[in-house]
PDB file of N, CA and C in Angstrom:
ATOM      1  N   MET A   1      47.359   5.463 -69.388  1.00  0.00           N
ATOM      2  CA  MET A   1      48.805   4.977 -68.473  1.00  0.00           C
ATOM      3  C   MET A   1      47.930   3.802 -67.495  1.00  0.00           C
ATOM      4  N   GLU A   2      48.384   2.815 -67.012  1.00  0.00           N
ATOM      5  CA  GLU A   2      47.774   1.880 -65.904  1.00  0.00           C
ATOM      6  C   GLU A   2      47.558   2.402 -64.861  1.00  0.00           C
ATOM      7  N   LYS A   3      46.771   2.120 -64.016  1.00  0.00           N
ATOM      8  CA  LYS A   3      46.685   2.626 -62.359  1.00  0.00           C
ATOM      9  C   LYS A   3      47.962   1.299 -61.737  1.00  0.00           C
ATOM     10  N   LEU A   4      47.985   2.648 -60.472  1.00  0.00           N
ATOM     11  CA  LEU A   4      48.575   1.887 -59.536  1.00  0.00           C
ATOM     12  C   LEU A   4      48.352   0.597 -58.824  1.00  0.00           C
ATOM     13  N   SER A   5      46.360   0.159 -59.285  1.00  0.00           N
ATOM     14  CA  SER A   5      45.362  -0.865 -58.723  1.00  0.00           C
ATOM     15  C   SER A   5      46.102  -1.344 -59.743  1.00  0.00           C
ATOM     16  N   GLU A   6      45.941  -1.478 -60.735  1.00  0.00           N
ATOM     17  CA  GLU A   6      45.805  -2.228 -61.989  1.00  0.00           C
ATOM     18  C   GLU A   6      47.168  -3.315 -61.956  1.00  0.00           C
ATOM     19  N   LYS A   7      48.271  -2.430 -61.670  1.00  0.00           N
ATOM     20  CA  LYS A   7      49.454  -2.811 -61.683  1.00  0.00           C
ATOM     21  C   LYS A   7      49.511  -3.732 -60.249  1.00  0.00           C
ATOM     22  N   LEU A   8      49.238  -3.788 -59.518  1.00  0.00           N
ATOM     23  CA  LEU A   8      49.415  -4.492 -58.095  1.00  0.00           C
ATOM     24  C   LEU A   8      48.278  -5.829 -58.764  1.00  0.00           C
ATOM     25  N   LYS A   9      47.176  -5.245 -59.243  1.00  0.00           N
ATOM     26  CA  LYS A   9      46.902  -7.096 -59.477  1.00  0.00           C
ATOM     27  C   LYS A   9      47.351  -7.904 -60.704  1.00  0.00           C
ATOM     28  N   GLU A  10      48.176  -7.050 -61.363  1.00  0.00           N
ATOM     29  CA  GLU A  10      48.741  -7.870 -62.457  1.00  0.00           C
ATOM     30  C   GLU A  10      50.276  -8.590 -61.770  1.00  0.00           C
ATOM     31  N   LEU A  11      50.714  -7.894 -61.235  1.00  0.00           N
ATOM     32  CA  LEU A  11      52.051  -7.976 -60.284  1.00  0.00           C
ATOM     33  C   LEU A  11      51.174  -9.493 -59.643  1.00  0.00           C
ATOM     34  N   ARG A  12      50.525  -8.991 -59.014  1.00  0.00           N
ATOM     35  CA  ARG A  12      50.064 -10.609 -58.091  1.00  0.00           C
ATOM     36  C   ARG A  12      49.709 -11.606 -58.415  1.00  0.00           C
ATOM     37  N   LEU A  13      48.906 -11.302 -59.684  1.00  0.00           N
ATOM     38  CA  LEU A  13      48.144 -12.645 -60.455  1.00  0.00           C
ATOM     39  C   LEU A  13      49.439 -13.383 -61.587  1.00  0.00           C
ATOM     40  N   GLU A  14      51.037 -12.382 -61.899  1.00  0.00           N
ATOM     41  CA  GLU A  14      51.644 -12.969 -62.604  1.00  0.00           C
ATOM     42  C   GLU A  14      52.478 -14.015 -61.639  1.00  0.00           C
ATOM     43  N   LYS A  15      52.179 -13.516 -60.063  1.00  0.00           N
ATOM     44  CA  LYS A  15      53.397 -14.752 -59.351  1.00  0.00           C
ATOM     45  C   LYS A  15      52.242 -15.422 -58.459  1.00  0.00           C
ATOM     46  N   GLY A  16      51.165 -15.629 -59.620  1.00  0.00           N
ATOM     47  CA  GLY A  16      50.179 -16.500 -58.776  1.00  0.00           C
ATOM     48  C   GLY A  16      49.641 -16.674 -57.629  1.00  0.00           C
ATOM     49  N   LEU A  17      49.823 -15.551 -56.892  1.00  0.00           N
ATOM     50  CA  LEU A  17      49.211 -15.272 -55.104  1.00  0.00           C
ATOM     51  C   LEU A  17      47.715 -14.566 -54.863  1.00  0.00           C
ATOM     52  N   SER A  18      47.343 -15.248 -53.761  1.00  0.00           N
ATOM     53  CA  SER A  18      46.163 -14.021 -53.270  1.00  0.00           C
ATOM     54  C   SER A  18      46.115 -13.356 -52.890  1.00  0.00           C
ATOM     55  N   GLN A  19      45.370 -12.268 -52.288  1.00  0.00           N
ATOM     56  CA  GLN A  19      45.650 -10.912 -51.922  1.00  0.00           C
ATOM     57  C   GLN A  19      46.163 -11.264 -50.309  1.00  0.00           C
ATOM     58  N   LYS A  20      45.686 -12.177 -49.827  1.00  0.00           N
ATOM     59  CA  LYS A  20      45.967 -12.623 -48.188  1.00  0.00           C
ATOM     60  C   LYS A  20      47.203 -12.946 -48.743  1.00  0.00           C
ATOM     61  N   GLU A  21      47.919 -13.919 -49.393  1.00  0.00           N
ATOM     62  CA  GLU A  21      49.309 -13.951 -49.554  1.00  0.00           C
ATOM     63  C   GLU A  21      50.723 -12.965 -49.683  1.00  0.00           C
ATOM     64  N   VAL A  22      50.030 -12.035 -50.201  1.00  0.00           N
ATOM     65  CA  VAL A  22      50.727 -10.110 -50.531  1.00  0.00           C
ATOM     66  C   VAL A  22      50.705  -9.997 -49.560  1.00  0.00           C
ATOM     67  N   SER A  23      49.612  -9.650 -48.967  1.00  0.00           N
ATOM     68  CA  SER A  23      49.406  -8.947 -47.801  1.00  0.00           C
ATOM     69  C   SER A  23      50.132  -9.424 -46.149  1.00  0.00           C
ATOM     70  N   THR A  24      49.927 -10.474 -46.085  1.00  0.00           N
ATOM     71  CA  THR A  24      50.811 -11.517 -44.742  1.00  0.00           C
ATOM     72  C   THR A  24      52.390 -10.858 -45.172  1.00  0.00           C
ATOM     73  N   ALA A  25      52.756 -11.434 -46.319  1.00  0.00           N
ATOM     74  CA  ALA A  25      54.253 -10.785 -47.058  1.00  0.00           C
ATOM     75  C   ALA A  25      54.761  -9.373 -46.577  1.00  0.00           C
ATOM     76  N   LEU A  26      53.918  -8.756 -46.833  1.00  0.00           N
ATOM     77  CA  LEU A  26      54.163  -7.524 -46.600  1.00  0.00           C
ATOM     78  C   LEU A  26      53.466  -6.604 -45.688  1.00  0.00           C
ATOM     79  N   GLY A  27      52.912  -7.512 -44.205  1.00  0.00           N
ATOM     80  CA  GLY A  27      52.946  -7.084 -43.184  1.00  0.00           C
ATOM     81  C   GLY A  27      51.370  -6.053 -42.927  1.00  0.00           C
ATOM     82  N   LEU A  28      50.423  -6.259 -43.815  1.00  0.00           N
ATOM     83  CA  LEU A  28      49.505  -5.529 -44.047  1.00  0.00           C
ATOM     84  C   LEU A  28      48.242  -6.448 -43.317  1.00  0.00           C
ATOM     85  N   THR A  29      47.266  -5.978 -43.756  1.00  0.00           N
ATOM     86  CA  THR A  29      45.694  -6.763 -43.549  1.00  0.00           C
ATOM     87  C   THR A  29      45.586  -7.102 -44.911  1.00  0.00           C
ATOM     88  N   ARG A  30      44.705  -7.893 -44.927  1.00  0.00           N
ATOM     89  CA  ARG A  30      44.457  -8.397 -46.454  1.00  0.00           C
ATOM     90  C   ARG A  30      43.157  -7.355 -46.485  1.00  0.00           C
ATOM     91  N   ASN A  31      42.659  -6.291 -46.351  1.00  0.00           N
ATOM     92  CA  ASN A  31      41.834  -5.352 -46.376  1.00  0.00           C
ATOM     93  C   ASN A  31      42.905  -4.216 -47.263  1.00  0.00           C
ATOM     94  N   ALA A  32      43.563  -3.981 -46.179  1.00  0.00           N
ATOM     95  CA  ALA A  32      44.479  -2.847 -47.063  1.00  0.00           C
ATOM     96  C   ALA A  32      45.166  -2.849 -47.860  1.00  0.00           C
ATOM     97  N   PHE A  33      45.735  -4.411 -48.333  1.00  0.00           N
ATOM     98  CA  PHE A  33      45.829  -4.439 -49.760  1.00  0.00           C
ATOM     99  C   PHE A  33      44.867  -4.542 -51.006  1.00  0.00           C
ATOM    100  N   THR A  34      43.652  -5.666 -50.512  1.00  0.00           N
ATOM    101  CA  THR A  34      42.354  -5.581 -51.505  1.00  0.00           C
ATOM    102  C   THR A  34      42.093  -3.164 -51.736  1.00  0.00           C
ATOM    103  N   ASN A  35      42.389  -3.029 -50.918  1.00  0.00           N
ATOM    104  CA  ASN A  35      42.020  -1.257 -50.778  1.00  0.00           C
ATOM    105  C   ASN A  35      42.707  -0.892 -51.691  1.00  0.00           C
ATOM    106  N   TYR A  36      44.268  -1.030 -51.744  1.00  0.00           N
ATOM    107  CA  TYR A  36      45.182  -0.551 -53.004  1.00  0.00           C
ATOM    108  C   TYR A  36      44.606  -1.228 -54.449  1.00  0.00           C
ATOM    109  N   GLU A  37      44.660  -2.217 -54.033  1.00  0.00           N
ATOM    110  CA  GLU A  37      44.209  -2.918 -55.354  1.00  0.00           C
ATOM    111  C   GLU A  37      43.340  -2.979 -56.282  1.00  0.00           C
ATOM    112  N   ASN A  38      42.301  -2.399 -55.330  1.00  0.00           N
ATOM    113  CA  ASN A  38      40.951  -1.684 -55.917  1.00  0.00           C
ATOM    114  C   ASN A  38      40.740  -0.531 -56.274  1.00  0.00           C
ATOM    115  N   GLY A  39      41.766   0.266 -55.602  1.00  0.00           N
ATOM    116  CA  GLY A  39      42.216   1.544 -56.105  1.00  0.00           C
ATOM    117  C   GLY A  39      40.865   2.511 -55.022  1.00  0.00           C
ATOM    118  N   TYR A  40      41.032   2.172 -54.391  1.00  0.00           N
ATOM    119  CA  TYR A  40      39.926   2.907 -53.486  1.00  0.00           C
ATOM    120  C   TYR A  40      40.770   3.302 -52.002  1.00  0.00           C
ATOM    121  N   ARG A  41      42.415   3.359 -52.154  1.00  0.00           N
ATOM    122  CA  ARG A  41      43.385   3.464 -51.441  1.00  0.00           C
ATOM    123  C   ARG A  41      44.757   3.658 -51.928  1.00  0.00           C
ATOM    124  N   GLU A  42      45.383   4.648 -51.132  1.00  0.00           N
ATOM    125  CA  GLU A  42      46.887   4.433 -52.073  1.00  0.00           C
ATOM    126  C   GLU A  42      47.620   4.200 -50.362  1.00  0.00           C
ATOM    127  N   PRO A  43      48.779   3.139 -51.114  1.00  0.00           N
ATOM    128  CA  PRO A  43      49.815   3.218 -50.119  1.00  0.00           C
ATOM    129  C   PRO A  43      50.526   4.075 -49.599  1.00  0.00           C
ATOM    130  N   SER A  44      51.013   4.351 -48.488  1.00  0.00           N
ATOM    131  CA  SER A  44      52.176   5.354 -47.728  1.00  0.00           C
ATOM    132  C   SER A  44      53.244   5.297 -48.529  1.00  0.00           C
ATOM    133  N   LEU A  45      54.316   5.891 -48.020  1.00  0.00           N
ATOM    134  CA  LEU A  45      55.412   6.132 -48.984  1.00  0.00           C
ATOM    135  C   LEU A  45      56.627   4.682 -48.505  1.00  0.00           C
ATOM    136  N   GLU A  46      55.946   4.412 -47.202  1.00  0.00           N
ATOM    137  CA  GLU A  46      56.998   3.013 -46.921  1.00  0.00           C
ATOM    138  C   GLU A  46      56.491   1.654 -47.200  1.00  0.00           C
ATOM    139  N   THR A  47      55.097   1.502 -46.921  1.00  0.00           N
ATOM    140  CA  THR A  47      54.218   0.749 -47.808  1.00  0.00           C
ATOM    141  C   THR A  47      54.921   0.528 -49.199  1.00  0.00           C
ATOM    142  N   LEU A  48      54.860   1.707 -49.791  1.00  0.00           N
ATOM    143  CA  LEU A  48      54.895   1.353 -51.394  1.00  0.00           C
ATOM    144  C   LEU A  48      56.353   1.048 -51.822  1.00  0.00           C
ATOM    145  N   LYS A  49      57.501   1.241 -50.709  1.00  0.00           N
ATOM    146  CA  LYS A  49      58.674   0.998 -50.967  1.00  0.00           C
ATOM    147  C   LYS A  49      58.890  -0.391 -50.738  1.00  0.00           C
ATOM    148  N   LYS A  50      57.875  -1.495 -49.745  1.00  0.00           N
ATOM    149  CA  LYS A  50      58.046  -2.525 -49.578  1.00  0.00           C
ATOM    150  C   LYS A  50      56.920  -3.048 -50.728  1.00  0.00           C
ATOM    151  N   ILE A  51      56.209  -2.888 -51.435  1.00  0.00           N
ATOM    152  CA  ILE A  51      56.184  -3.790 -52.841  1.00  0.00           C
ATOM    153  C   ILE A  51      56.734  -3.684 -53.222  1.00  0.00           C
ATOM    154  N   CYS A  52      57.577  -2.666 -53.640  1.00  0.00           N
ATOM    155  CA  CYS A  52      58.614  -2.696 -54.871  1.00  0.00           C
ATOM    156  C   CYS A  52      59.731  -3.796 -54.591  1.00  0.00           C
ATOM    157  N   GLN A  53      59.727  -3.571 -53.610  1.00  0.00           N
ATOM    158  CA  GLN A  53      61.045  -4.786 -53.092  1.00  0.00           C
ATOM    159  C   GLN A  53      60.021  -5.992 -53.609  1.00  0.00           C
ATOM    160  N   PHE A  54      58.968  -6.247 -52.772  1.00  0.00           N
ATOM    161  CA  PHE A  54      58.757  -7.804 -52.615  1.00  0.00           C
ATOM    162  C   PHE A  54      58.516  -7.820 -54.128  1.00  0.00           C
ATOM    163  N   PHE A  55      57.528  -6.948 -55.300  1.00  0.00           N
ATOM    164  CA  PHE A  55      57.515  -7.504 -56.823  1.00  0.00           C
ATOM    165  C   PHE A  55      58.966  -7.100 -57.326  1.00  0.00           C
ATOM    166  N   ASP A  56      59.859  -6.677 -57.176  1.00  0.00           N
ATOM    167  CA  ASP A  56      60.951  -6.479 -57.756  1.00  0.00           C
ATOM    168  C   ASP A  56      60.645  -5.757 -59.107  1.00  0.00           C
ATOM    169  N   VAL A  57      60.613  -4.404 -58.520  1.00  0.00           N
ATOM    170  CA  VAL A  57      59.906  -2.937 -59.349  1.00  0.00           C
ATOM    171  C   VAL A  57      60.517  -2.390 -58.840  1.00  0.00           C
ATOM    172  N   SER A  58      60.394  -1.287 -60.075  1.00  0.00           N
ATOM    173  CA  SER A  58      60.746  -0.162 -59.372  1.00  0.00           C
ATOM    174  C   SER A  58      59.462   0.868 -58.949  1.00  0.00           C
ATOM    175  N   ALA A  59      59.544   1.933 -58.564  1.00  0.00           N
ATOM    176  CA  ALA A  59      58.340   2.696 -58.190  1.00  0.00           C
ATOM    177  C   ALA A  59      57.977   3.437 -58.991  1.00  0.00           C
ATOM    178  N   ASP A  60      59.222   4.033 -60.429  1.00  0.00           N
ATOM    179  CA  ASP A  60      58.506   4.569 -61.388  1.00  0.00           C
ATOM    180  C   ASP A  60      57.375   3.597 -62.101  1.00  0.00           C
ATOM    181  N   TYR A  61      57.846   2.162 -62.100  1.00  0.00           N
ATOM    182  CA  TYR A  61      56.701   0.917 -62.954  1.00  0.00           C
ATOM    183  C   TYR A  61      55.766   0.948 -62.182  1.00  0.00           C
ATOM    184  N   LEU A  62      55.504   1.058 -60.962  1.00  0.00           N
ATOM    185  CA  LEU A  62      54.266   0.940 -60.377  1.00  0.00           C
ATOM    186  C   LEU A  62      53.467   2.628 -60.304  1.00  0.00           C
ATOM    187  N   LEU A  63      54.181   3.432 -60.531  1.00  0.00           N
ATOM    188  CA  LEU A  63      53.694   4.556 -60.943  1.00  0.00           C
ATOM    189  C   LEU A  63      53.106   5.114 -62.077  1.00  0.00           C
ATOM    190  N   GLY A  64      53.672   3.965 -63.251  1.00  0.00           N
ATOM    191  CA  GLY A  64      53.429   4.352 -64.612  1.00  0.00           C
ATOM    192  C   GLY A  64      53.966   5.480 -65.177  1.00  0.00           C
ATOM    193  N   LEU A  65      55.260   5.955 -64.500  1.00  0.00           N
ATOM    194  CA  LEU A  65      56.591   6.406 -65.238  1.00  0.00           C
ATOM    195  C   LEU A  65      57.036   6.113 -66.139  1.00  0.00           C
ATOM    196  N   LYS A  66      57.168   4.603 -65.742  1.00  0.00           N
ATOM    197  CA  LYS A  66      58.236   4.135 -67.063  1.00  0.00           C
ATOM    198  C   LYS A  66      57.672   2.047 -67.146  1.00  0.00           C
ATOM    199  N   ASN A  67      57.788   2.026 -68.245  1.00  0.00           N
ATOM    200  CA  ASN A  67      56.816   1.175 -68.853  1.00  0.00           C
ATOM    201  C   ASN A  67      57.817  -0.565 -68.273  1.00  0.00           C
ATOM    202  N   TYR A  68      59.587  -0.559 -67.645  1.00  0.00           N
ATOM    203  CA  TYR A  68      59.713  -1.796 -66.973  1.00  0.00           C
ATOM    204  C   TYR A  68      60.343  -1.494 -65.438  1.00  0.00           C
TER     205      TYR A  68
END
């Protein structure tokens, strides 16, 4: 099962975005997003919602509960 951190990186690279671009769009520091992407920290529920909206995916997908 893919981890949240792996999915975040995969989605970011698919869109051709830098960590800085994603973090700015989400209202986060680059360091915060980098920590999520590297698996050092997990986002709050509110941040998870923003990530889902930004990448147009479900929370189930990000959390590895569904493959779409």
